[in-house]
Amino acid sequence: MEGYRNFCNKIWNAVKFSRMHFGEQYTPSDASGLTPTTLGERWILSRLAAAVKACHTGFVEFQFSSITTAIYNFWLYELCDVYLVGGGCLRRSGAPEFD
């Protein structure tokens, strides 16, 4: 039970951080024309692609636990712990310590 509470807390903090970073009125643009420019962007997109592939395989094979595990692991360990907390998303902002 505590693990799920921690996971929900991580979701809350990631959304709060994103709203602070991008602003309250942020509206995402069409992602089809975006090209990742930093190592952090390329890395997180590769991890997202791996999670999508794992989910697709799980749906095809009716392995629903592997789907939820792929989503959980991507969100918690890759997006939040490495990309957000590790500073990968801040590299986009041009912060000198990350250039």
PDB file of N, CA and C in Angstrom:
ATOM      1  N   MET A   1       0.823  -1.182   0.000  1.00  0.00           N
ATOM      2  CA  MET A   1       0.000   0.000   0.000  1.00  0.00           C
ATOM      3  C   MET A   1       0.873   1.254   0.000  1.00  0.00           C
ATOM      4  N   GLU A   2       1.941   1.238   0.791  1.00  0.00           N
ATOM      5  CA  GLU A   2       2.815   2.402   0.873  1.00  0.00           C
ATOM      6  C   GLU A   2       3.492   2.683  -0.468  1.00  0.00           C
ATOM      7  N   GLY A   3       3.829   1.611  -1.207  1.00  0.00           N
ATOM      8  CA  GLY A   3       4.448   1.783  -2.517  1.00  0.00           C
ATOM      9  C   GLY A   3       3.547   2.516  -3.484  1.00  0.00           C
ATOM     10  N   TYR A   4       2.249   2.211  -3.456  1.00  0.00           N
ATOM     11  CA  TYR A   4       1.307   2.899  -4.336  1.00  0.00           C
ATOM     12  C   TYR A   4       1.110   4.355  -3.916  1.00  0.00           C
ATOM     13  N   ARG A   5       1.142   4.595  -2.621  1.00  0.00           N
ATOM     14  CA  ARG A   5       1.054   5.969  -2.131  1.00  0.00           C
ATOM     15  C   ARG A   5       2.253   6.764  -2.612  1.00  0.00           C
ATOM     16  N   ASN A   6       3.435   6.162  -2.544  1.00  0.00           N
ATOM     17  CA  ASN A   6       4.646   6.826  -3.022  1.00  0.00           C
ATOM     18  C   ASN A   6       4.578   7.089  -4.526  1.00  0.00           C
ATOM     19  N   PHE A   7       4.023   6.127  -5.259  1.00  0.00           N
ATOM     20  CA  PHE A   7       3.882   6.293  -6.709  1.00  0.00           C
ATOM     21  C   PHE A   7       2.943   7.458  -7.022  1.00  0.00           C
ATOM     22  N   CYS A   8       1.817   7.537  -6.344  1.00  0.00           N
ATOM     23  CA  CYS A   8       0.880   8.654  -6.546  1.00  0.00           C
ATOM     24  C   CYS A   8       1.526   9.976  -6.163  1.00  0.00           C
ATOM     25  N   ASN A   9       2.317   9.976  -5.100  1.00  0.00           N
ATOM     26  CA  ASN A   9       3.038  11.180  -4.703  1.00  0.00           C
ATOM     27  C   ASN A   9       4.033  11.592  -5.785  1.00  0.00           C
ATOM     28  N   LYS A  10       4.676  10.616  -6.408  1.00  0.00           N
ATOM     29  CA  LYS A  10       5.627  10.908  -7.486  1.00  0.00           C
ATOM     30  C   LYS A  10       4.909  11.519  -8.681  1.00  0.00           C
ATOM     31  N   ILE A  11       3.725  11.015  -9.007  1.00  0.00           N
ATOM     32  CA  ILE A  11       2.936  11.592 -10.098  1.00  0.00           C
ATOM     33  C   ILE A  11       2.591  13.045  -9.769  1.00  0.00           C
ATOM     34  N   TRP A  12       2.107  13.277  -8.563  1.00  0.00           N
ATOM     35  CA  TRP A  12       1.738  14.624  -8.140  1.00  0.00           C
ATOM     36  C   TRP A  12       2.927  15.575  -8.244  1.00  0.00           C
ATOM     37  N   ASN A  13       4.079  15.154  -7.734  1.00  0.00           N
ATOM     38  CA  ASN A  13       5.253  16.021  -7.761  1.00  0.00           C
ATOM     39  C   ASN A  13       5.751  16.282  -9.185  1.00  0.00           C
ATOM     40  N   ALA A  14       5.676  15.273 -10.048  1.00  0.00           N
ATOM     41  CA  ALA A  14       6.106  15.461 -11.437  1.00  0.00           C
ATOM     42  C   ALA A  14       5.203  16.447 -12.166  1.00  0.00           C
ATOM     43  N   VAL A  15       3.910  16.349 -11.944  1.00  0.00           N
ATOM     44  CA  VAL A  15       2.973  17.284 -12.573  1.00  0.00           C
ATOM     45  C   VAL A  15       3.194  18.685 -12.028  1.00  0.00           C
ATOM     46  N   LYS A  16       3.386  18.799 -10.727  1.00  0.00           N
ATOM     47  CA  LYS A  16       3.635  20.097 -10.104  1.00  0.00           C
ATOM     48  C   LYS A  16       4.924  20.719 -10.652  1.00  0.00           C
ATOM     49  N   PHE A  17       5.964  19.922 -10.765  1.00  0.00           N
ATOM     50  CA  PHE A  17       7.233  20.395 -11.312  1.00  0.00           C
ATOM     51  C   PHE A  17       7.066  20.852 -12.764  1.00  0.00           C
ATOM     52  N   SER A  18       6.360  20.071 -13.558  1.00  0.00           N
ATOM     53  CA  SER A  18       6.153  20.406 -14.961  1.00  0.00           C
ATOM     54  C   SER A  18       5.358  21.696 -15.118  1.00  0.00           C
ATOM     55  N   ARG A  19       4.330  21.861 -14.308  1.00  0.00           N
ATOM     56  CA  ARG A  19       3.535  23.091 -14.364  1.00  0.00           C
ATOM     57  C   ARG A  19       4.377  24.294 -13.965  1.00  0.00           C
ATOM     58  N   MET A  20       5.262  24.106 -12.993  1.00  0.00           N
ATOM     59  CA  MET A  20       6.134  25.191 -12.570  1.00  0.00           C
ATOM     60  C   MET A  20       7.132  25.529 -13.687  1.00  0.00           C
ATOM     61  N   HIS A  21       7.674  24.501 -14.337  1.00  0.00           N
ATOM     62  CA  HIS A  21       8.688  24.680 -15.370  1.00  0.00           C
ATOM     63  C   HIS A  21       8.094  25.272 -16.646  1.00  0.00           C
ATOM     64  N   PHE A  22       6.922  24.774 -17.064  1.00  0.00           N
ATOM     65  CA  PHE A  22       6.328  25.191 -18.332  1.00  0.00           C
ATOM     66  C   PHE A  22       5.292  26.303 -18.188  1.00  0.00           C
ATOM     67  N   GLY A  23       4.778  26.505 -16.985  1.00  0.00           N
ATOM     68  CA  GLY A  23       3.778  27.535 -16.761  1.00  0.00           C
ATOM     69  C   GLY A  23       2.368  26.971 -16.766  1.00  0.00           C
ATOM     70  N   GLU A  24       1.478  27.691 -16.128  1.00  0.00           N
ATOM     71  CA  GLU A  24       0.087  27.248 -15.964  1.00  0.00           C
ATOM     72  C   GLU A  24      -0.661  27.153 -17.288  1.00  0.00           C
ATOM     73  N   GLN A  25      -0.347  28.033 -18.232  1.00  0.00           N
ATOM     74  CA  GLN A  25      -1.100  28.093 -19.485  1.00  0.00           C
ATOM     75  C   GLN A  25      -0.450  27.305 -20.623  1.00  0.00           C
ATOM     76  N   TYR A  26       0.522  26.447 -20.322  1.00  0.00           N
ATOM     77  CA  TYR A  26       1.239  25.696 -21.352  1.00  0.00           C
ATOM     78  C   TYR A  26       0.289  24.779 -22.117  1.00  0.00           C
ATOM     79  N   THR A  27       0.399  24.829 -23.424  1.00  0.00           N
ATOM     80  CA  THR A  27      -0.338  23.927 -24.306  1.00  0.00           C
ATOM     81  C   THR A  27       0.683  23.245 -25.212  1.00  0.00           C
ATOM     82  N   PRO A  28       0.774  21.926 -25.173  1.00  0.00           N
ATOM     83  CA  PRO A  28       1.781  21.242 -26.001  1.00  0.00           C
ATOM     84  C   PRO A  28       1.471  21.414 -27.489  1.00  0.00           C
ATOM     85  N   SER A  29       2.517  21.527 -28.268  1.00  0.00           N
ATOM     86  CA  SER A  29       2.356  21.627 -29.711  1.00  0.00           C
ATOM     87  C   SER A  29       2.318  20.227 -30.310  1.00  0.00           C
ATOM     88  N   ASP A  30       2.073  20.172 -31.588  1.00  0.00           N
ATOM     89  CA  ASP A  30       2.074  18.896 -32.306  1.00  0.00           C
ATOM     90  C   ASP A  30       3.494  18.331 -32.265  1.00  0.00           C
ATOM     91  N   ALA A  31       3.656  17.158 -31.717  1.00  0.00           N
ATOM     92  CA  ALA A  31       4.983  16.568 -31.520  1.00  0.00           C
ATOM     93  C   ALA A  31       5.567  15.976 -32.790  1.00  0.00           C
ATOM     94  N   SER A  32       4.795  15.896 -33.862  1.00  0.00           N
ATOM     95  CA  SER A  32       5.283  15.231 -35.062  1.00  0.00           C
ATOM     96  C   SER A  32       6.464  15.946 -35.701  1.00  0.00           C
ATOM     97  N   GLY A  33       6.566  17.259 -35.519  1.00  0.00           N
ATOM     98  CA  GLY A  33       7.650  18.000 -36.140  1.00  0.00           C
ATOM     99  C   GLY A  33       8.831  18.250 -35.224  1.00  0.00           C
ATOM    100  N   LEU A  34       8.787  17.759 -34.003  1.00  0.00           N
ATOM    101  CA  LEU A  34       9.872  18.007 -33.051  1.00  0.00           C
ATOM    102  C   LEU A  34      11.033  17.051 -33.276  1.00  0.00           C
ATOM    103  N   THR A  35      12.213  17.586 -33.141  1.00  0.00           N
ATOM    104  CA  THR A  35      13.422  16.782 -33.240  1.00  0.00           C
ATOM    105  C   THR A  35      14.183  16.927 -31.929  1.00  0.00           C
ATOM    106  N   PRO A  36      14.476  15.818 -31.257  1.00  0.00           N
ATOM    107  CA  PRO A  36      15.224  15.922 -30.006  1.00  0.00           C
ATOM    108  C   PRO A  36      16.618  16.472 -30.286  1.00  0.00           C
ATOM    109  N   THR A  37      17.031  17.437 -29.489  1.00  0.00           N
ATOM    110  CA  THR A  37      18.316  18.083 -29.738  1.00  0.00           C
ATOM    111  C   THR A  37      19.371  17.758 -28.690  1.00  0.00           C
ATOM    112  N   THR A  38      18.958  17.321 -27.522  1.00  0.00           N
ATOM    113  CA  THR A  38      19.937  17.036 -26.469  1.00  0.00           C
ATOM    114  C   THR A  38      20.002  15.535 -26.219  1.00  0.00           C
ATOM    115  N   LEU A  39      21.062  15.154 -25.562  1.00  0.00           N
ATOM    116  CA  LEU A  39      21.218  13.747 -25.182  1.00  0.00           C
ATOM    117  C   LEU A  39      20.080  13.305 -24.270  1.00  0.00           C
ATOM    118  N   GLY A  40      19.678  14.181 -23.334  1.00  0.00           N
ATOM    119  CA  GLY A  40      18.571  13.857 -22.433  1.00  0.00           C
ATOM    120  C   GLY A  40      17.268  13.632 -23.182  1.00  0.00           C
ATOM    121  N   GLU A  41      16.986  14.459 -24.172  1.00  0.00           N
ATOM    122  CA  GLU A  41      15.757  14.283 -24.966  1.00  0.00           C
ATOM    123  C   GLU A  41      15.794  12.981 -25.757  1.00  0.00           C
ATOM    124  N   ARG A  42      16.937  12.705 -26.378  1.00  0.00           N
ATOM    125  CA  ARG A  42      17.045  11.447 -27.142  1.00  0.00           C
ATOM    126  C   ARG A  42      16.916  10.244 -26.226  1.00  0.00           C
ATOM    127  N   TRP A  43      17.508  10.326 -25.029  1.00  0.00           N
ATOM    128  CA  TRP A  43      17.456   9.207 -24.096  1.00  0.00           C
ATOM    129  C   TRP A  43      16.027   8.952 -23.628  1.00  0.00           C
ATOM    130  N   ILE A  44      15.314  10.015 -23.200  1.00  0.00           N
ATOM    131  CA  ILE A  44      13.960   9.797 -22.671  1.00  0.00           C
ATOM    132  C   ILE A  44      13.036   9.299 -23.768  1.00  0.00           C
ATOM    133  N   LEU A  45      13.215   9.774 -25.001  1.00  0.00           N
ATOM    134  CA  LEU A  45      12.380   9.277 -26.097  1.00  0.00           C
ATOM    135  C   LEU A  45      12.688   7.822 -26.421  1.00  0.00           C
ATOM    136  N   SER A  46      13.946   7.412 -26.278  1.00  0.00           N
ATOM    137  CA  SER A  46      14.278   5.997 -26.501  1.00  0.00           C
ATOM    138  C   SER A  46      13.661   5.123 -25.418  1.00  0.00           C
ATOM    139  N   ARG A  47      13.640   5.618 -24.173  1.00  0.00           N
ATOM    140  CA  ARG A  47      13.037   4.857 -23.077  1.00  0.00           C
ATOM    141  C   ARG A  47      11.517   4.786 -23.245  1.00  0.00           C
ATOM    142  N   LEU A  48      10.919   5.893 -23.725  1.00  0.00           N
ATOM    143  CA  LEU A  48       9.483   5.885 -24.009  1.00  0.00           C
ATOM    144  C   LEU A  48       9.169   4.879 -25.108  1.00  0.00           C
ATOM    145  N   ALA A  49       9.971   4.843 -26.158  1.00  0.00           N
ATOM    146  CA  ALA A  49       9.759   3.883 -27.249  1.00  0.00           C
ATOM    147  C   ALA A  49       9.866   2.450 -26.735  1.00  0.00           C
ATOM    148  N   ALA A  50      10.810   2.192 -25.849  1.00  0.00           N
ATOM    149  CA  ALA A  50      10.946   0.849 -25.271  1.00  0.00           C
ATOM    150  C   ALA A  50       9.717   0.491 -24.435  1.00  0.00           C
ATOM    151  N   ALA A  51       9.188   1.455 -23.681  1.00  0.00           N
ATOM    152  CA  ALA A  51       7.989   1.205 -22.869  1.00  0.00           C
ATOM    153  C   ALA A  51       6.780   0.951 -23.764  1.00  0.00           C
ATOM    154  N   VAL A  52       6.657   1.713 -24.840  1.00  0.00           N
ATOM    155  CA  VAL A  52       5.543   1.509 -25.781  1.00  0.00           C
ATOM    156  C   VAL A  52       5.636   0.130 -26.415  1.00  0.00           C
ATOM    157  N   LYS A  53       6.840  -0.265 -26.796  1.00  0.00           N
ATOM    158  CA  LYS A  53       7.043  -1.598 -27.385  1.00  0.00           C
ATOM    159  C   LYS A  53       6.678  -2.703 -26.394  1.00  0.00           C
ATOM    160  N   ALA A  54       7.088  -2.542 -25.139  1.00  0.00           N
ATOM    161  CA  ALA A  54       6.757  -3.533 -24.103  1.00  0.00           C
ATOM    162  C   ALA A  54       5.247  -3.596 -23.890  1.00  0.00           C
ATOM    163  N   CYS A  55       4.581  -2.449 -23.927  1.00  0.00           N
ATOM    164  CA  CYS A  55       3.113  -2.421 -23.774  1.00  0.00           C
ATOM    165  C   CYS A  55       2.440  -3.108 -24.950  1.00  0.00           C
ATOM    166  N   HIS A  56       2.919  -2.832 -26.156  1.00  0.00           N
ATOM    167  CA  HIS A  56       2.340  -3.467 -27.343  1.00  0.00           C
ATOM    168  C   HIS A  56       2.474  -4.989 -27.264  1.00  0.00           C
ATOM    169  N   THR A  57       3.662  -5.445 -26.900  1.00  0.00           N
ATOM    170  CA  THR A  57       3.882  -6.894 -26.752  1.00  0.00           C
ATOM    171  C   THR A  57       2.965  -7.471 -25.679  1.00  0.00           C
ATOM    172  N   GLY A  58       2.813  -6.761 -24.586  1.00  0.00           N
ATOM    173  CA  GLY A  58       1.934  -7.215 -23.513  1.00  0.00           C
ATOM    174  C   GLY A  58       0.489  -7.327 -23.963  1.00  0.00           C
ATOM    175  N   PHE A  59       0.021  -6.364 -24.756  1.00  0.00           N
ATOM    176  CA  PHE A  59      -1.353  -6.442 -25.274  1.00  0.00           C
ATOM    177  C   PHE A  59      -1.517  -7.617 -26.228  1.00  0.00           C
ATOM    178  N   VAL A  60      -0.546  -7.817 -27.112  1.00  0.00           N
ATOM    179  CA  VAL A  60      -0.619  -8.917 -28.079  1.00  0.00           C
ATOM    180  C   VAL A  60      -0.639 -10.261 -27.369  1.00  0.00           C
ATOM    181  N   GLU A  61       0.155 -10.379 -26.310  1.00  0.00           N
ATOM    182  CA  GLU A  61       0.286 -11.650 -25.583  1.00  0.00           C
ATOM    183  C   GLU A  61      -0.645 -11.752 -24.376  1.00  0.00           C
ATOM    184  N   PHE A  62      -1.524 -10.762 -24.189  1.00  0.00           N
ATOM    185  CA  PHE A  62      -2.454 -10.730 -23.054  1.00  0.00           C
ATOM    186  C   PHE A  62      -1.720 -10.817 -21.712  1.00  0.00           C
ATOM    187  N   GLN A  63      -0.577 -10.178 -21.641  1.00  0.00           N
ATOM    188  CA  GLN A  63       0.226 -10.127 -20.416  1.00  0.00           C
ATOM    189  C   GLN A  63       0.059  -8.741 -19.785  1.00  0.00           C
ATOM    190  N   PHE A  64      -1.082  -8.543 -19.153  1.00  0.00           N
ATOM    191  CA  PHE A  64      -1.417  -7.225 -18.654  1.00  0.00           C
ATOM    192  C   PHE A  64      -0.512  -6.762 -17.509  1.00  0.00           C
ATOM    193  N   SER A  65       0.040  -7.693 -16.777  1.00  0.00           N
ATOM    194  CA  SER A  65       0.968  -7.284 -15.716  1.00  0.00           C
ATOM    195  C   SER A  65       2.245  -6.691 -16.306  1.00  0.00           C
ATOM    196  N   SER A  66       2.679  -7.181 -17.460  1.00  0.00           N
ATOM    197  CA  SER A  66       3.877  -6.603 -18.078  1.00  0.00           C
ATOM    198  C   SER A  66       3.589  -5.204 -18.624  1.00  0.00           C
ATOM    199  N   ILE A  67       2.348  -4.945 -19.015  1.00  0.00           N
ATOM    200  CA  ILE A  67       1.962  -3.609 -19.485  1.00  0.00           C
ATOM    201  C   ILE A  67       2.048  -2.615 -18.330  1.00  0.00           C
ATOM    202  N   THR A  68       1.429  -2.958 -17.226  1.00  0.00           N
ATOM    203  CA  THR A  68       1.445  -2.043 -16.083  1.00  0.00           C
ATOM    204  C   THR A  68       2.856  -1.869 -15.532  1.00  0.00           C
ATOM    205  N   THR A  69       3.664  -2.924 -15.568  1.00  0.00           N
ATOM    206  CA  THR A  69       5.053  -2.832 -15.110  1.00  0.00           C
ATOM    207  C   THR A  69       5.849  -1.894 -16.007  1.00  0.00           C
ATOM    208  N   ALA A  70       5.651  -1.990 -17.326  1.00  0.00           N
ATOM    209  CA  ALA A  70       6.366  -1.113 -18.260  1.00  0.00           C
ATOM    210  C   ALA A  70       5.999   0.345 -18.032  1.00  0.00           C
ATOM    211  N   ILE A  71       4.714   0.626 -17.840  1.00  0.00           N
ATOM    212  CA  ILE A  71       4.262   1.996 -17.606  1.00  0.00           C
ATOM    213  C   ILE A  71       4.804   2.510 -16.266  1.00  0.00           C
ATOM    214  N   TYR A  72       4.667   1.697 -15.244  1.00  0.00           N
ATOM    215  CA  TYR A  72       5.137   2.057 -13.900  1.00  0.00           C
ATOM    216  C   TYR A  72       6.635   2.354 -13.917  1.00  0.00           C
ATOM    217  N   ASN A  73       7.407   1.447 -14.503  1.00  0.00           N
ATOM    218  CA  ASN A  73       8.862   1.609 -14.520  1.00  0.00           C
ATOM    219  C   ASN A  73       9.280   2.832 -15.326  1.00  0.00           C
ATOM    220  N   PHE A  74       8.633   3.066 -16.466  1.00  0.00           N
ATOM    221  CA  PHE A  74       8.975   4.246 -17.254  1.00  0.00           C
ATOM    222  C   PHE A  74       8.690   5.514 -16.460  1.00  0.00           C
ATOM    223  N   TRP A  75       7.488   5.604 -15.917  1.00  0.00           N
ATOM    224  CA  TRP A  75       7.099   6.830 -15.209  1.00  0.00           C
ATOM    225  C   TRP A  75       7.989   7.069 -13.989  1.00  0.00           C
ATOM    226  N   LEU A  76       8.125   6.030 -13.167  1.00  0.00           N
ATOM    227  CA  LEU A  76       8.793   6.200 -11.877  1.00  0.00           C
ATOM    228  C   LEU A  76      10.305   6.303 -12.002  1.00  0.00           C
ATOM    229  N   TYR A  77      10.910   5.352 -12.707  1.00  0.00           N
ATOM    230  CA  TYR A  77      12.361   5.250 -12.686  1.00  0.00           C
ATOM    231  C   TYR A  77      13.052   6.009 -13.813  1.00  0.00           C
ATOM    232  N   GLU A  78      12.407   6.154 -14.945  1.00  0.00           N
ATOM    233  CA  GLU A  78      13.083   6.808 -16.062  1.00  0.00           C
ATOM    234  C   GLU A  78      12.647   8.264 -16.217  1.00  0.00           C
ATOM    235  N   LEU A  79      11.345   8.504 -16.303  1.00  0.00           N
ATOM    236  CA  LEU A  79      10.881   9.873 -16.474  1.00  0.00           C
ATOM    237  C   LEU A  79      11.130  10.706 -15.218  1.00  0.00           C
ATOM    238  N   CYS A  80      10.636  10.248 -14.078  1.00  0.00           N
ATOM    239  CA  CYS A  80      10.744  11.044 -12.854  1.00  0.00           C
ATOM    240  C   CYS A  80      12.151  11.025 -12.272  1.00  0.00           C
ATOM    241  N   ASP A  81      12.678   9.845 -11.978  1.00  0.00           N
ATOM    242  CA  ASP A  81      13.946   9.758 -11.253  1.00  0.00           C
ATOM    243  C   ASP A  81      15.146  10.206 -12.078  1.00  0.00           C
ATOM    244  N   VAL A  82      15.167   9.898 -13.345  1.00  0.00           N
ATOM    245  CA  VAL A  82      16.344  10.237 -14.147  1.00  0.00           C
ATOM    246  C   VAL A  82      16.131  11.527 -14.927  1.00  0.00           C
ATOM    247  N   TYR A  83      15.048  11.610 -15.691  1.00  0.00           N
ATOM    248  CA  TYR A  83      14.871  12.755 -16.589  1.00  0.00           C
ATOM    249  C   TYR A  83      14.504  14.034 -15.843  1.00  0.00           C
ATOM    250  N   LEU A  84      13.507  13.966 -14.978  1.00  0.00           N
ATOM    251  CA  LEU A  84      13.102  15.181 -14.257  1.00  0.00           C
ATOM    252  C   LEU A  84      14.070  15.516 -13.126  1.00  0.00           C
ATOM    253  N   VAL A  85      14.298  14.566 -12.229  1.00  0.00           N
ATOM    254  CA  VAL A  85      15.146  14.827 -11.066  1.00  0.00           C
ATOM    255  C   VAL A  85      16.608  14.941 -11.475  1.00  0.00           C
ATOM    256  N   GLY A  86      17.031  14.131 -12.435  1.00  0.00           N
ATOM    257  CA  GLY A  86      18.427  14.162 -12.873  1.00  0.00           C
ATOM    258  C   GLY A  86      18.775  15.351 -13.738  1.00  0.00           C
ATOM    259  N   GLY A  87      17.786  16.120 -14.149  1.00  0.00           N
ATOM    260  CA  GLY A  87      18.054  17.345 -14.879  1.00  0.00           C
ATOM    261  C   GLY A  87      17.967  17.245 -16.381  1.00  0.00           C
ATOM    262  N   GLY A  88      17.551  16.115 -16.909  1.00  0.00           N
ATOM    263  CA  GLY A  88      17.471  15.972 -18.362  1.00  0.00           C
ATOM    264  C   GLY A  88      16.562  16.988 -19.014  1.00  0.00           C
ATOM    265  N   CYS A  89      15.447  17.294 -18.394  1.00  0.00           N
ATOM    266  CA  CYS A  89      14.526  18.255 -18.992  1.00  0.00           C
ATOM    267  C   CYS A  89      15.055  19.671 -18.880  1.00  0.00           C
ATOM    268  N   LEU A  90      15.906  19.947 -17.908  1.00  0.00           N
ATOM    269  CA  LEU A  90      16.450  21.289 -17.746  1.00  0.00           C
ATOM    270  C   LEU A  90      17.486  21.609 -18.813  1.00  0.00           C
ATOM    271  N   ARG A  91      18.007  20.590 -19.447  1.00  0.00           N
ATOM    272  CA  ARG A  91      18.981  20.829 -20.511  1.00  0.00           C
ATOM    273  C   ARG A  91      18.339  21.585 -21.673  1.00  0.00           C
ATOM    274  N   ARG A  92      17.026  21.457 -21.829  1.00  0.00           N
ATOM    275  CA  ARG A  92      16.318  22.172 -22.888  1.00  0.00           C
ATOM    276  C   ARG A  92      16.294  23.669 -22.619  1.00  0.00           C
ATOM    277  N   SER A  93      16.305  24.044 -21.368  1.00  0.00           N
ATOM    278  CA  SER A  93      16.146  25.449 -21.021  1.00  0.00           C
ATOM    279  C   SER A  93      17.412  26.265 -21.292  1.00  0.00           C
ATOM    280  N   GLY A  94      18.502  25.603 -21.656  1.00  0.00           N
ATOM    281  CA  GLY A  94      19.736  26.316 -21.926  1.00  0.00           C
ATOM    282  C   GLY A  94      20.493  26.701 -20.668  1.00  0.00           C
ATOM    283  N   ALA A  95      20.195  26.039 -19.575  1.00  0.00           N
ATOM    284  CA  ALA A  95      20.921  26.322 -18.332  1.00  0.00           C
ATOM    285  C   ALA A  95      22.394  26.034 -18.565  1.00  0.00           C
ATOM    286  N   PRO A  96      23.292  26.976 -18.262  1.00  0.00           N
ATOM    287  CA  PRO A  96      24.711  26.823 -18.611  1.00  0.00           C
ATOM    288  C   PRO A  96      25.368  25.584 -18.012  1.00  0.00           C
ATOM    289  N   GLU A  97      24.928  25.164 -16.839  1.00  0.00           N
ATOM    290  CA  GLU A  97      25.557  23.990 -16.227  1.00  0.00           C
ATOM    291  C   GLU A  97      25.247  22.693 -16.966  1.00  0.00           C
ATOM    292  N   PHE A  98      24.287  22.749 -17.906  1.00  0.00           N
ATOM    293  CA  PHE A  98      23.925  21.554 -18.637  1.00  0.00           C
ATOM    294  C   PHE A  98      24.345  21.615 -20.112  1.00  0.00           C
ATOM    295  N   ASP A  99      24.862  22.729 -20.568  1.00  0.00           N
ATOM    296  CA  ASP A  99      25.240  22.852 -21.983  1.00  0.00           C
ATOM    297  C   ASP A  99      26.572  22.195 -22.256  1.00  0.00           C
TER     298      ASP A  99
END
